[in-house]
Amino acid sequence: MNARKLLFLVLILNSLVVVVALEINRRIGVNHFKEGGFVTIYSFLQLLATFGIVLLINWYSRWKNPSLIWKIIALGFIFLATDEVFTIHENIDFLIHRIFGIEETAVTDRIDDLLVGLYGLLGIGVLFVYRNEWKIYREAFPFFIFGFALLFSMVTLDVITNRHDILYLIWDHHSASTIQTYLSLAEEPLKVFSEAFFILGFYIILQTVKARKKESAVTKAG
């Protein structure tokens, strides 16, 4: 499958998942954007798919230019998939409060939200450190940029909607509550579309690596 077809397929699937979840919430009031909903399962599957694609990139890269970056990224995505199912960052939040005896405040209650942002920053850090190994895949850059932009947009919404306090600074209580409801519904769509762009970016890299391996095999055979 070429990258354009995959782009179309992934965006359609993501849109369908989001629309169905919104319609279920509108009709019967069940929020599948919360932990344990089918959107979480879909997100887990996308992260698992990305993990698989990166493993393939690592396997195809071994023939010429093996690099630690693909192993690190693969580990990162399998960790994110595990986090999605077992809510690791939320549990770290609770653990920090318990170990240090910190009373939950509007600031400390947002630790779990900021941890997700830290995941994103660590990802950017890895790409920067290993920039010489992957900068040749420029076709994938726009997808990673969109992916990180959506990720940090989600983190921003998480921080804003964690409590009403920030929204109360701008709107009255009734308006703030209504706005929080709508903004909180936007968080998960931002996440799954962020994952979609990462899938597409790594898929482009995979196709490039496979093509170069094939060209090398043809050259040697000739």
N, C-alpha and C. Protein backbone atom coordinates (compact mmCIF):
# COMPACT_ATOMS: atom_id res chain seq x y z
N MET A 1 0.84 -1.20 0.00
CA MET A 1 0.00 0.00 0.00
C MET A 1 0.88 1.25 0.00
N ASN A 2 0.61 2.18 -0.92
CA ASN A 2 1.42 3.40 -0.92
C ASN A 2 0.96 4.36 0.17
N ALA A 3 1.79 5.36 0.43
CA ALA A 3 1.54 6.27 1.55
C ALA A 3 0.25 7.06 1.38
N ARG A 4 -0.09 7.41 0.14
CA ARG A 4 -1.30 8.20 -0.09
C ARG A 4 -2.55 7.41 0.27
N LYS A 5 -2.58 6.14 -0.11
CA LYS A 5 -3.73 5.29 0.22
C LYS A 5 -3.83 5.08 1.72
N LEU A 6 -2.67 4.87 2.37
CA LEU A 6 -2.68 4.70 3.82
C LEU A 6 -3.16 5.96 4.51
N LEU A 7 -2.73 7.11 4.02
CA LEU A 7 -3.17 8.39 4.58
C LEU A 7 -4.69 8.49 4.54
N PHE A 8 -5.26 8.18 3.39
CA PHE A 8 -6.71 8.24 3.23
C PHE A 8 -7.39 7.26 4.18
N LEU A 9 -6.88 6.03 4.25
CA LEU A 9 -7.49 4.99 5.07
C LEU A 9 -7.44 5.36 6.56
N VAL A 10 -6.27 5.78 7.02
CA VAL A 10 -6.09 6.09 8.44
C VAL A 10 -6.96 7.28 8.86
N LEU A 11 -6.99 8.32 8.03
CA LEU A 11 -7.79 9.50 8.37
C LEU A 11 -9.29 9.17 8.37
N ILE A 12 -9.73 8.33 7.43
CA ILE A 12 -11.13 7.91 7.40
C ILE A 12 -11.48 7.11 8.66
N LEU A 13 -10.61 6.16 9.01
CA LEU A 13 -10.86 5.34 10.20
C LEU A 13 -10.91 6.18 11.47
N ASN A 14 -9.96 7.12 11.59
CA ASN A 14 -9.92 7.99 12.77
C ASN A 14 -11.18 8.86 12.84
N SER A 15 -11.57 9.40 11.68
CA SER A 15 -12.78 10.23 11.64
C SER A 15 -14.01 9.42 12.03
N LEU A 16 -14.08 8.18 11.54
CA LEU A 16 -15.21 7.32 11.84
C LEU A 16 -15.29 7.01 13.34
N VAL A 17 -14.15 6.69 13.94
CA VAL A 17 -14.10 6.39 15.37
C VAL A 17 -14.57 7.60 16.18
N VAL A 18 -14.07 8.78 15.82
CA VAL A 18 -14.43 10.00 16.55
C VAL A 18 -15.92 10.32 16.39
N VAL A 19 -16.42 10.23 15.17
CA VAL A 19 -17.84 10.54 14.92
C VAL A 19 -18.75 9.57 15.65
N VAL A 20 -18.42 8.28 15.63
CA VAL A 20 -19.24 7.29 16.33
C VAL A 20 -19.24 7.56 17.83
N ALA A 21 -18.07 7.86 18.38
CA ALA A 21 -17.98 8.15 19.82
C ALA A 21 -18.79 9.39 20.18
N LEU A 22 -18.72 10.42 19.35
CA LEU A 22 -19.49 11.64 19.61
C LEU A 22 -20.99 11.38 19.51
N GLU A 23 -21.38 10.57 18.53
CA GLU A 23 -22.81 10.28 18.34
C GLU A 23 -23.36 9.44 19.50
N ILE A 24 -22.57 8.49 19.98
CA ILE A 24 -22.99 7.69 21.15
C ILE A 24 -23.14 8.59 22.37
N ASN A 25 -22.20 9.50 22.54
CA ASN A 25 -22.28 10.42 23.67
C ASN A 25 -23.50 11.32 23.57
N ARG A 26 -23.81 11.76 22.35
CA ARG A 26 -24.95 12.65 22.15
C ARG A 26 -26.27 11.93 22.37
N ARG A 27 -26.35 10.68 21.91
CA ARG A 27 -27.62 9.96 21.96
C ARG A 27 -27.92 9.34 23.32
N ILE A 28 -26.93 8.69 23.91
CA ILE A 28 -27.21 7.98 25.17
C ILE A 28 -26.35 8.45 26.34
N GLY A 29 -25.48 9.43 26.09
CA GLY A 29 -24.70 10.01 27.19
C GLY A 29 -23.53 9.19 27.66
N VAL A 30 -23.14 8.15 26.91
CA VAL A 30 -21.98 7.33 27.29
C VAL A 30 -20.75 7.91 26.61
N ASN A 31 -19.74 8.28 27.42
CA ASN A 31 -18.54 8.93 26.90
C ASN A 31 -17.43 7.90 26.65
N HIS A 32 -17.27 7.51 25.40
CA HIS A 32 -16.22 6.55 25.05
C HIS A 32 -14.86 7.20 24.87
N PHE A 33 -14.78 8.51 25.12
CA PHE A 33 -13.48 9.17 25.10
C PHE A 33 -12.76 9.00 26.43
N LYS A 34 -13.47 8.56 27.46
CA LYS A 34 -12.86 8.35 28.76
C LYS A 34 -12.05 7.05 28.75
N GLU A 35 -11.23 6.89 29.80
CA GLU A 35 -10.42 5.68 29.93
C GLU A 35 -11.32 4.45 29.91
N GLY A 36 -10.94 3.45 29.14
CA GLY A 36 -11.72 2.23 29.06
C GLY A 36 -12.72 2.21 27.93
N GLY A 37 -12.95 3.35 27.28
CA GLY A 37 -13.87 3.41 26.15
C GLY A 37 -13.22 2.83 24.91
N PHE A 38 -14.00 2.65 23.85
CA PHE A 38 -13.42 2.02 22.66
C PHE A 38 -12.41 2.93 21.96
N VAL A 39 -12.47 4.24 22.24
CA VAL A 39 -11.46 5.14 21.67
C VAL A 39 -10.09 4.82 22.27
N THR A 40 -10.06 4.47 23.55
CA THR A 40 -8.81 4.06 24.20
C THR A 40 -8.26 2.80 23.55
N ILE A 41 -9.14 1.84 23.26
CA ILE A 41 -8.72 0.60 22.60
C ILE A 41 -8.16 0.91 21.21
N TYR A 42 -8.85 1.79 20.49
CA TYR A 42 -8.39 2.18 19.16
C TYR A 42 -7.02 2.86 19.23
N SER A 43 -6.85 3.73 20.22
CA SER A 43 -5.57 4.40 20.41
C SER A 43 -4.47 3.39 20.70
N PHE A 44 -4.77 2.41 21.54
CA PHE A 44 -3.81 1.35 21.85
C PHE A 44 -3.39 0.61 20.58
N LEU A 45 -4.36 0.29 19.72
CA LEU A 45 -4.06 -0.43 18.48
C LEU A 45 -3.20 0.41 17.54
N GLN A 46 -3.44 1.71 17.50
CA GLN A 46 -2.62 2.58 16.65
C GLN A 46 -1.18 2.64 17.17
N LEU A 47 -1.02 2.73 18.47
CA LEU A 47 0.33 2.76 19.06
C LEU A 47 1.04 1.44 18.81
N LEU A 48 0.29 0.35 18.90
CA LEU A 48 0.86 -0.97 18.64
C LEU A 48 1.27 -1.09 17.17
N ALA A 49 0.45 -0.55 16.28
CA ALA A 49 0.77 -0.57 14.85
C ALA A 49 2.05 0.22 14.57
N THR A 50 2.18 1.37 15.23
CA THR A 50 3.39 2.20 15.06
C THR A 50 4.62 1.45 15.56
N PHE A 51 4.48 0.78 16.68
CA PHE A 51 5.56 -0.05 17.22
C PHE A 51 6.00 -1.09 16.19
N GLY A 52 5.03 -1.75 15.56
CA GLY A 52 5.34 -2.76 14.55
C GLY A 52 6.04 -2.17 13.34
N ILE A 53 5.59 -1.01 12.89
CA ILE A 53 6.21 -0.35 11.74
C ILE A 53 7.66 0.02 12.04
N VAL A 54 7.89 0.54 13.24
CA VAL A 54 9.26 0.93 13.62
C VAL A 54 10.16 -0.29 13.73
N LEU A 55 9.62 -1.40 14.22
CA LEU A 55 10.40 -2.64 14.26
C LEU A 55 10.81 -3.07 12.86
N LEU A 56 9.89 -2.93 11.91
CA LEU A 56 10.21 -3.28 10.52
C LEU A 56 11.29 -2.34 9.96
N ILE A 57 11.20 -1.06 10.29
CA ILE A 57 12.23 -0.11 9.86
C ILE A 57 13.59 -0.55 10.40
N ASN A 58 13.61 -0.93 11.67
CA ASN A 58 14.86 -1.38 12.28
C ASN A 58 15.39 -2.62 11.58
N TRP A 59 14.48 -3.55 11.24
CA TRP A 59 14.90 -4.79 10.58
C TRP A 59 15.45 -4.52 9.18
N TYR A 60 14.78 -3.70 8.41
CA TYR A 60 15.23 -3.39 7.05
C TYR A 60 16.49 -2.52 7.05
N SER A 61 16.69 -1.75 8.14
CA SER A 61 17.86 -0.86 8.21
C SER A 61 19.14 -1.62 8.52
N ARG A 62 19.02 -2.81 9.07
CA ARG A 62 20.21 -3.55 9.51
C ARG A 62 21.13 -3.90 8.36
N TRP A 63 20.58 -4.01 7.18
CA TRP A 63 21.39 -4.44 6.04
C TRP A 63 22.48 -3.44 5.69
N LYS A 64 22.25 -2.16 6.04
CA LYS A 64 23.22 -1.15 5.64
C LYS A 64 23.62 -0.21 6.77
N ASN A 65 22.63 0.32 7.47
CA ASN A 65 22.93 1.37 8.45
C ASN A 65 22.16 1.15 9.74
N PRO A 66 22.52 0.13 10.52
CA PRO A 66 21.80 -0.11 11.77
C PRO A 66 21.97 1.06 12.73
N SER A 67 20.91 1.42 13.40
CA SER A 67 20.98 2.55 14.31
C SER A 67 20.15 2.28 15.55
N LEU A 68 20.63 2.76 16.67
CA LEU A 68 19.94 2.58 17.95
C LEU A 68 18.61 3.34 17.98
N ILE A 69 18.48 4.36 17.13
CA ILE A 69 17.29 5.21 17.19
C ILE A 69 16.01 4.41 17.01
N TRP A 70 16.01 3.43 16.09
CA TRP A 70 14.78 2.69 15.82
C TRP A 70 14.40 1.80 17.00
N LYS A 71 15.38 1.26 17.70
CA LYS A 71 15.10 0.46 18.89
C LYS A 71 14.53 1.34 20.00
N ILE A 72 15.09 2.53 20.15
CA ILE A 72 14.61 3.46 21.18
C ILE A 72 13.17 3.88 20.88
N ILE A 73 12.90 4.22 19.62
CA ILE A 73 11.56 4.64 19.24
C ILE A 73 10.56 3.50 19.41
N ALA A 74 10.97 2.28 19.02
CA ALA A 74 10.08 1.12 19.19
C ALA A 74 9.74 0.91 20.66
N LEU A 75 10.74 1.00 21.52
CA LEU A 75 10.49 0.87 22.97
C LEU A 75 9.56 1.97 23.46
N GLY A 76 9.75 3.17 22.92
CA GLY A 76 8.90 4.29 23.30
C GLY A 76 7.44 4.04 22.98
N PHE A 77 7.18 3.50 21.80
CA PHE A 77 5.79 3.28 21.40
C PHE A 77 5.16 2.09 22.11
N ILE A 78 5.94 1.06 22.42
CA ILE A 78 5.35 -0.04 23.17
C ILE A 78 5.06 0.41 24.60
N PHE A 79 5.88 1.33 25.12
CA PHE A 79 5.59 1.90 26.44
C PHE A 79 4.31 2.73 26.39
N LEU A 80 4.15 3.54 25.35
CA LEU A 80 2.94 4.36 25.22
C LEU A 80 1.70 3.48 25.09
N ALA A 81 1.82 2.38 24.35
CA ALA A 81 0.69 1.46 24.21
C ALA A 81 0.33 0.84 25.57
N THR A 82 1.36 0.48 26.33
CA THR A 82 1.13 -0.06 27.67
C THR A 82 0.49 0.98 28.58
N ASP A 83 1.00 2.21 28.49
CA ASP A 83 0.45 3.32 29.28
C ASP A 83 -1.02 3.54 28.95
N GLU A 84 -1.36 3.41 27.68
CA GLU A 84 -2.74 3.64 27.26
C GLU A 84 -3.70 2.65 27.93
N VAL A 85 -3.25 1.43 28.11
CA VAL A 85 -4.10 0.39 28.71
C VAL A 85 -4.05 0.44 30.24
N PHE A 86 -2.87 0.64 30.79
CA PHE A 86 -2.70 0.55 32.25
C PHE A 86 -2.57 1.92 32.93
N THR A 87 -2.79 3.00 32.18
CA THR A 87 -2.79 4.38 32.72
C THR A 87 -1.57 4.63 33.63
N ILE A 88 -0.39 4.37 33.10
CA ILE A 88 0.84 4.49 33.88
C ILE A 88 1.05 5.91 34.36
N HIS A 89 0.85 6.90 33.48
CA HIS A 89 1.15 8.28 33.90
C HIS A 89 0.18 8.76 34.98
N GLU A 90 -1.07 8.29 34.94
CA GLU A 90 -2.00 8.64 36.01
C GLU A 90 -1.56 8.03 37.34
N ASN A 91 -1.09 6.78 37.28
CA ASN A 91 -0.62 6.12 38.50
C ASN A 91 0.65 6.75 39.05
N ILE A 92 1.51 7.25 38.15
CA ILE A 92 2.71 7.97 38.60
C ILE A 92 2.29 9.22 39.37
N ASP A 93 1.25 9.89 38.87
CA ASP A 93 0.71 11.07 39.55
C ASP A 93 0.31 10.71 40.98
N PHE A 94 -0.48 9.65 41.14
CA PHE A 94 -0.91 9.22 42.47
C PHE A 94 0.28 8.84 43.34
N LEU A 95 1.27 8.16 42.73
CA LEU A 95 2.44 7.69 43.46
C LEU A 95 3.26 8.87 43.99
N ILE A 96 3.42 9.90 43.16
CA ILE A 96 4.18 11.09 43.58
C ILE A 96 3.51 11.74 44.78
N HIS A 97 2.18 11.87 44.72
CA HIS A 97 1.45 12.46 45.85
C HIS A 97 1.63 11.62 47.12
N ARG A 98 1.60 10.29 46.96
CA ARG A 98 1.67 9.41 48.12
C ARG A 98 3.07 9.38 48.71
N ILE A 99 4.10 9.23 47.86
CA ILE A 99 5.48 9.10 48.35
C ILE A 99 5.94 10.37 49.06
N PHE A 100 5.64 11.51 48.45
CA PHE A 100 6.13 12.77 49.01
C PHE A 100 5.12 13.43 49.95
N GLY A 101 4.01 12.75 50.17
CA GLY A 101 3.01 13.28 51.09
C GLY A 101 2.45 14.62 50.65
N ILE A 102 2.32 14.78 49.35
CA ILE A 102 1.85 16.06 48.80
C ILE A 102 0.33 16.08 48.78
N GLU A 103 -0.22 17.16 49.31
CA GLU A 103 -1.66 17.34 49.24
C GLU A 103 -2.03 17.80 47.82
N GLU A 104 -3.03 17.18 47.25
CA GLU A 104 -3.42 17.49 45.87
C GLU A 104 -3.90 18.92 45.76
N THR A 105 -3.30 19.65 44.83
CA THR A 105 -3.70 21.02 44.55
C THR A 105 -4.01 21.16 43.06
N ALA A 106 -4.42 22.34 42.65
CA ALA A 106 -4.72 22.57 41.23
C ALA A 106 -3.47 22.36 40.38
N VAL A 107 -2.30 22.60 40.97
CA VAL A 107 -1.05 22.44 40.22
C VAL A 107 -0.63 20.97 40.19
N THR A 108 -0.56 20.32 41.37
CA THR A 108 -0.08 18.94 41.42
C THR A 108 -1.06 17.97 40.77
N ASP A 109 -2.33 18.34 40.71
CA ASP A 109 -3.33 17.48 40.08
C ASP A 109 -3.10 17.38 38.57
N ARG A 110 -2.27 18.26 38.05
CA ARG A 110 -2.00 18.27 36.61
C ARG A 110 -0.68 17.57 36.25
N ILE A 111 -0.06 16.91 37.23
CA ILE A 111 1.20 16.23 36.98
C ILE A 111 1.05 15.19 35.87
N ASP A 112 -0.04 14.42 35.91
CA ASP A 112 -0.23 13.38 34.90
C ASP A 112 -0.38 13.97 33.50
N ASP A 113 -1.03 15.14 33.41
CA ASP A 113 -1.15 15.81 32.11
C ASP A 113 0.22 16.24 31.59
N LEU A 114 1.03 16.80 32.49
CA LEU A 114 2.34 17.29 32.09
C LEU A 114 3.29 16.14 31.74
N LEU A 115 3.07 14.97 32.35
CA LEU A 115 3.90 13.81 32.01
C LEU A 115 3.73 13.41 30.55
N VAL A 116 2.50 13.53 30.04
CA VAL A 116 2.27 13.23 28.63
C VAL A 116 3.05 14.21 27.75
N GLY A 117 3.05 15.49 28.17
CA GLY A 117 3.85 16.48 27.46
C GLY A 117 5.33 16.14 27.52
N LEU A 118 5.76 15.60 28.66
CA LEU A 118 7.16 15.18 28.81
C LEU A 118 7.49 14.05 27.86
N TYR A 119 6.56 13.12 27.66
CA TYR A 119 6.76 12.05 26.67
C TYR A 119 7.08 12.66 25.30
N GLY A 120 6.28 13.67 24.94
CA GLY A 120 6.48 14.32 23.65
C GLY A 120 7.84 14.99 23.55
N LEU A 121 8.24 15.66 24.62
CA LEU A 121 9.54 16.34 24.63
C LEU A 121 10.69 15.34 24.55
N LEU A 122 10.53 14.20 25.23
CA LEU A 122 11.55 13.14 25.15
C LEU A 122 11.66 12.60 23.73
N GLY A 123 10.50 12.47 23.07
CA GLY A 123 10.49 12.01 21.68
C GLY A 123 11.23 12.97 20.77
N ILE A 124 10.98 14.26 20.94
CA ILE A 124 11.68 15.27 20.15
C ILE A 124 13.17 15.24 20.46
N GLY A 125 13.50 15.03 21.74
CA GLY A 125 14.91 14.96 22.13
C GLY A 125 15.64 13.82 21.46
N VAL A 126 15.00 12.66 21.38
CA VAL A 126 15.60 11.50 20.72
C VAL A 126 15.83 11.78 19.24
N LEU A 127 14.81 12.36 18.60
CA LEU A 127 14.95 12.68 17.17
C LEU A 127 16.07 13.70 16.95
N PHE A 128 16.23 14.62 17.88
CA PHE A 128 17.29 15.63 17.73
C PHE A 128 18.67 14.99 17.91
N VAL A 129 18.81 14.15 18.92
CA VAL A 129 20.11 13.52 19.18
C VAL A 129 20.54 12.65 18.00
N TYR A 130 19.58 11.96 17.39
CA TYR A 130 19.88 11.06 16.27
C TYR A 130 19.50 11.68 14.92
N ARG A 131 19.54 12.99 14.85
CA ARG A 131 19.08 13.68 13.63
C ARG A 131 19.87 13.28 12.39
N ASN A 132 21.14 12.96 12.55
CA ASN A 132 21.95 12.58 11.39
C ASN A 132 21.51 11.25 10.78
N GLU A 133 20.91 10.38 11.62
CA GLU A 133 20.48 9.07 11.14
C GLU A 133 19.15 9.11 10.39
N TRP A 134 18.29 10.08 10.73
CA TRP A 134 16.97 10.05 10.11
C TRP A 134 16.62 11.30 9.31
N LYS A 135 17.53 12.27 9.24
CA LYS A 135 17.21 13.51 8.52
C LYS A 135 17.08 13.30 7.01
N ILE A 136 17.53 12.15 6.52
CA ILE A 136 17.41 11.86 5.09
C ILE A 136 15.96 11.56 4.69
N TYR A 137 15.11 11.30 5.68
CA TYR A 137 13.71 10.96 5.39
C TYR A 137 12.84 12.22 5.47
N ARG A 138 13.17 13.20 4.66
CA ARG A 138 12.50 14.50 4.75
C ARG A 138 11.01 14.43 4.39
N GLU A 139 10.63 13.44 3.58
CA GLU A 139 9.22 13.32 3.20
C GLU A 139 8.33 13.07 4.42
N ALA A 140 8.93 12.50 5.47
CA ALA A 140 8.15 12.18 6.67
C ALA A 140 8.03 13.35 7.64
N PHE A 141 8.86 14.39 7.46
CA PHE A 141 8.90 15.50 8.41
C PHE A 141 7.53 16.13 8.67
N PRO A 142 6.76 16.49 7.62
CA PRO A 142 5.46 17.15 7.86
C PRO A 142 4.53 16.32 8.74
N PHE A 143 4.58 15.00 8.60
CA PHE A 143 3.70 14.15 9.40
C PHE A 143 4.10 14.17 10.87
N PHE A 144 5.40 14.18 11.13
CA PHE A 144 5.86 14.27 12.51
C PHE A 144 5.54 15.64 13.11
N ILE A 145 5.67 16.68 12.32
CA ILE A 145 5.34 18.02 12.81
C ILE A 145 3.87 18.10 13.19
N PHE A 146 2.99 17.59 12.31
CA PHE A 146 1.56 17.56 12.62
C PHE A 146 1.29 16.70 13.85
N GLY A 147 1.98 15.56 13.94
CA GLY A 147 1.78 14.67 15.07
C GLY A 147 2.11 15.32 16.40
N PHE A 148 3.28 15.96 16.47
CA PHE A 148 3.67 16.63 17.71
C PHE A 148 2.79 17.84 18.00
N ALA A 149 2.38 18.57 16.96
CA ALA A 149 1.50 19.73 17.16
C ALA A 149 0.17 19.30 17.79
N LEU A 150 -0.41 18.21 17.28
CA LEU A 150 -1.66 17.70 17.83
C LEU A 150 -1.46 17.16 19.24
N LEU A 151 -0.32 16.50 19.48
CA LEU A 151 -0.03 15.97 20.81
C LEU A 151 0.02 17.08 21.85
N PHE A 152 0.76 18.15 21.54
CA PHE A 152 0.89 19.23 22.52
C PHE A 152 -0.40 20.04 22.64
N SER A 153 -1.20 20.05 21.58
CA SER A 153 -2.53 20.67 21.68
C SER A 153 -3.40 19.88 22.65
N MET A 154 -3.30 18.56 22.59
CA MET A 154 -4.04 17.71 23.51
C MET A 154 -3.61 17.94 24.95
N VAL A 155 -2.29 18.03 25.17
CA VAL A 155 -1.76 18.27 26.52
C VAL A 155 -2.28 19.61 27.04
N THR A 156 -2.29 20.62 26.18
CA THR A 156 -2.78 21.94 26.58
C THR A 156 -4.24 21.86 27.02
N LEU A 157 -5.05 21.14 26.25
CA LEU A 157 -6.47 20.98 26.61
C LEU A 157 -6.61 20.19 27.90
N ASP A 158 -5.77 19.17 28.09
CA ASP A 158 -5.79 18.39 29.33
C ASP A 158 -5.55 19.30 30.54
N VAL A 159 -4.56 20.15 30.42
CA VAL A 159 -4.22 21.06 31.52
C VAL A 159 -5.37 22.03 31.79
N ILE A 160 -5.94 22.57 30.72
CA ILE A 160 -7.01 23.56 30.87
C ILE A 160 -8.27 22.94 31.46
N THR A 161 -8.62 21.73 31.01
CA THR A 161 -9.90 21.14 31.41
C THR A 161 -9.79 20.24 32.64
N ASN A 162 -8.58 20.09 33.19
CA ASN A 162 -8.42 19.24 34.37
C ASN A 162 -9.32 19.70 35.51
N ARG A 163 -9.42 21.01 35.66
CA ARG A 163 -10.31 21.64 36.63
C ARG A 163 -10.93 22.87 35.98
N HIS A 164 -11.86 23.47 36.69
CA HIS A 164 -12.52 24.66 36.16
C HIS A 164 -11.72 25.94 36.38
N ASP A 165 -10.67 25.88 37.22
CA ASP A 165 -10.03 27.11 37.70
C ASP A 165 -9.53 28.03 36.59
N ILE A 166 -8.89 27.45 35.56
CA ILE A 166 -8.36 28.30 34.49
C ILE A 166 -9.49 28.93 33.69
N LEU A 167 -10.52 28.14 33.39
CA LEU A 167 -11.64 28.67 32.62
C LEU A 167 -12.42 29.71 33.40
N TYR A 168 -12.44 29.57 34.74
CA TYR A 168 -13.14 30.55 35.58
C TYR A 168 -12.49 31.93 35.50
N LEU A 169 -11.21 31.95 35.13
CA LEU A 169 -10.52 33.25 35.01
C LEU A 169 -11.02 34.04 33.81
N ILE A 170 -11.68 33.33 32.87
CA ILE A 170 -12.11 33.98 31.63
C ILE A 170 -13.63 34.10 31.54
N TRP A 171 -14.34 33.01 31.96
CA TRP A 171 -15.79 32.99 31.83
C TRP A 171 -16.46 32.80 33.19
N ASP A 172 -17.77 33.02 33.22
CA ASP A 172 -18.54 32.74 34.43
C ASP A 172 -18.66 31.23 34.60
N HIS A 173 -19.14 30.81 35.77
CA HIS A 173 -19.14 29.38 36.11
C HIS A 173 -19.96 28.55 35.12
N HIS A 174 -21.12 29.02 34.73
CA HIS A 174 -21.95 28.26 33.81
C HIS A 174 -21.27 28.11 32.44
N SER A 175 -20.76 29.21 31.92
CA SER A 175 -20.09 29.17 30.62
C SER A 175 -18.83 28.32 30.69
N ALA A 176 -18.07 28.44 31.79
CA ALA A 176 -16.84 27.67 31.95
C ALA A 176 -17.14 26.17 31.97
N SER A 177 -18.22 25.79 32.65
CA SER A 177 -18.59 24.38 32.73
C SER A 177 -18.97 23.83 31.35
N THR A 178 -19.72 24.63 30.59
CA THR A 178 -20.13 24.20 29.24
C THR A 178 -18.93 24.08 28.32
N ILE A 179 -18.05 25.08 28.37
CA ILE A 179 -16.86 25.07 27.53
C ILE A 179 -15.94 23.91 27.88
N GLN A 180 -15.82 23.62 29.18
CA GLN A 180 -14.98 22.50 29.61
C GLN A 180 -15.50 21.18 29.04
N THR A 181 -16.81 21.02 29.01
CA THR A 181 -17.40 19.79 28.48
C THR A 181 -17.00 19.58 27.03
N TYR A 182 -17.12 20.64 26.24
CA TYR A 182 -16.79 20.52 24.81
C TYR A 182 -15.30 20.35 24.59
N LEU A 183 -14.49 21.09 25.35
CA LEU A 183 -13.04 20.97 25.18
C LEU A 183 -12.54 19.59 25.59
N SER A 184 -13.13 19.04 26.65
CA SER A 184 -12.70 17.71 27.12
C SER A 184 -13.00 16.64 26.08
N LEU A 185 -14.06 16.85 25.28
CA LEU A 185 -14.38 15.90 24.22
C LEU A 185 -13.40 15.98 23.07
N ALA A 186 -12.65 17.08 22.98
CA ALA A 186 -11.70 17.26 21.88
C ALA A 186 -10.34 16.62 22.16
N GLU A 187 -10.08 16.30 23.43
CA GLU A 187 -8.77 15.79 23.81
C GLU A 187 -8.42 14.48 23.11
N GLU A 188 -9.30 13.50 23.22
CA GLU A 188 -9.03 12.19 22.64
C GLU A 188 -8.95 12.21 21.11
N PRO A 189 -9.84 12.94 20.42
CA PRO A 189 -9.66 13.06 18.96
C PRO A 189 -8.30 13.61 18.58
N LEU A 190 -7.81 14.61 19.33
CA LEU A 190 -6.48 15.14 19.04
C LEU A 190 -5.42 14.06 19.22
N LYS A 191 -5.61 13.22 20.23
CA LYS A 191 -4.62 12.16 20.49
C LYS A 191 -4.60 11.13 19.37
N VAL A 192 -5.78 10.64 18.97
CA VAL A 192 -5.79 9.58 17.95
C VAL A 192 -5.33 10.11 16.59
N PHE A 193 -5.63 11.36 16.28
CA PHE A 193 -5.14 11.92 15.02
C PHE A 193 -3.63 12.18 15.09
N SER A 194 -3.14 12.53 16.27
CA SER A 194 -1.69 12.66 16.46
C SER A 194 -1.01 11.34 16.17
N GLU A 195 -1.55 10.27 16.74
CA GLU A 195 -1.00 8.93 16.50
C GLU A 195 -1.07 8.56 15.02
N ALA A 196 -2.15 8.97 14.36
CA ALA A 196 -2.31 8.67 12.93
C ALA A 196 -1.19 9.28 12.11
N PHE A 197 -0.82 10.52 12.42
CA PHE A 197 0.25 11.18 11.67
C PHE A 197 1.61 10.53 11.95
N PHE A 198 1.81 10.04 13.17
CA PHE A 198 3.05 9.31 13.46
C PHE A 198 3.10 8.00 12.67
N ILE A 199 1.98 7.31 12.60
CA ILE A 199 1.92 6.08 11.80
C ILE A 199 2.33 6.37 10.36
N LEU A 200 1.76 7.43 9.80
CA LEU A 200 2.03 7.77 8.40
C LEU A 200 3.49 8.17 8.20
N GLY A 201 4.04 8.94 9.14
CA GLY A 201 5.44 9.34 9.03
C GLY A 201 6.38 8.16 9.02
N PHE A 202 6.17 7.24 9.96
CA PHE A 202 7.04 6.07 10.03
C PHE A 202 6.80 5.12 8.86
N TYR A 203 5.58 5.08 8.36
CA TYR A 203 5.29 4.22 7.21
C TYR A 203 6.05 4.72 5.97
N ILE A 204 6.12 6.03 5.81
CA ILE A 204 6.89 6.60 4.70
C ILE A 204 8.36 6.22 4.82
N ILE A 205 8.89 6.29 6.04
CA ILE A 205 10.28 5.89 6.25
C ILE A 205 10.46 4.41 5.93
N LEU A 206 9.52 3.58 6.35
CA LEU A 206 9.59 2.15 6.07
C LEU A 206 9.62 1.89 4.56
N GLN A 207 8.75 2.56 3.82
CA GLN A 207 8.71 2.37 2.38
C GLN A 207 10.02 2.80 1.73
N THR A 208 10.60 3.87 2.23
CA THR A 208 11.87 4.37 1.71
C THR A 208 13.00 3.37 1.97
N VAL A 209 13.04 2.86 3.20
CA VAL A 209 14.09 1.89 3.56
C VAL A 209 13.97 0.61 2.73
N LYS A 210 12.74 0.14 2.54
CA LYS A 210 12.51 -1.07 1.74
C LYS A 210 12.94 -0.86 0.28
N ALA A 211 12.61 0.31 -0.26
CA ALA A 211 12.96 0.62 -1.64
C ALA A 211 14.47 0.67 -1.82
N ARG A 212 15.18 1.25 -0.86
CA ARG A 212 16.63 1.35 -0.96
C ARG A 212 17.29 -0.02 -0.83
N LYS A 213 16.71 -0.87 0.00
CA LYS A 213 17.25 -2.22 0.12
C LYS A 213 17.07 -2.99 -1.18
N LYS A 214 15.92 -2.81 -1.79
CA LYS A 214 15.64 -3.49 -3.05
C LYS A 214 16.58 -3.01 -4.15
N GLU A 215 16.80 -1.68 -4.20
CA GLU A 215 17.72 -1.11 -5.19
C GLU A 215 19.13 -1.64 -4.98
N SER A 216 19.54 -1.76 -3.73
CA SER A 216 20.87 -2.27 -3.44
C SER A 216 21.02 -3.72 -3.87
N ALA A 217 19.95 -4.52 -3.65
CA ALA A 217 19.99 -5.92 -4.03
C ALA A 217 20.07 -6.07 -5.55
N VAL A 218 19.35 -5.20 -6.28
CA VAL A 218 19.38 -5.24 -7.73
C VAL A 218 20.75 -4.85 -8.25
N THR A 219 21.36 -3.83 -7.62
CA THR A 219 22.68 -3.37 -8.03
C THR A 219 23.73 -4.47 -7.83
N LYS A 220 23.65 -5.15 -6.68
CA LYS A 220 24.60 -6.23 -6.41
C LYS A 220 24.42 -7.38 -7.40
N ALA A 221 23.15 -7.67 -7.70
CA ALA A 221 22.86 -8.78 -8.62
C ALA A 221 23.36 -8.47 -10.02
N GLY A 222 23.32 -7.12 -10.38
CA GLY A 222 23.78 -6.74 -11.70
C GLY A 222 25.29 -6.74 -11.79
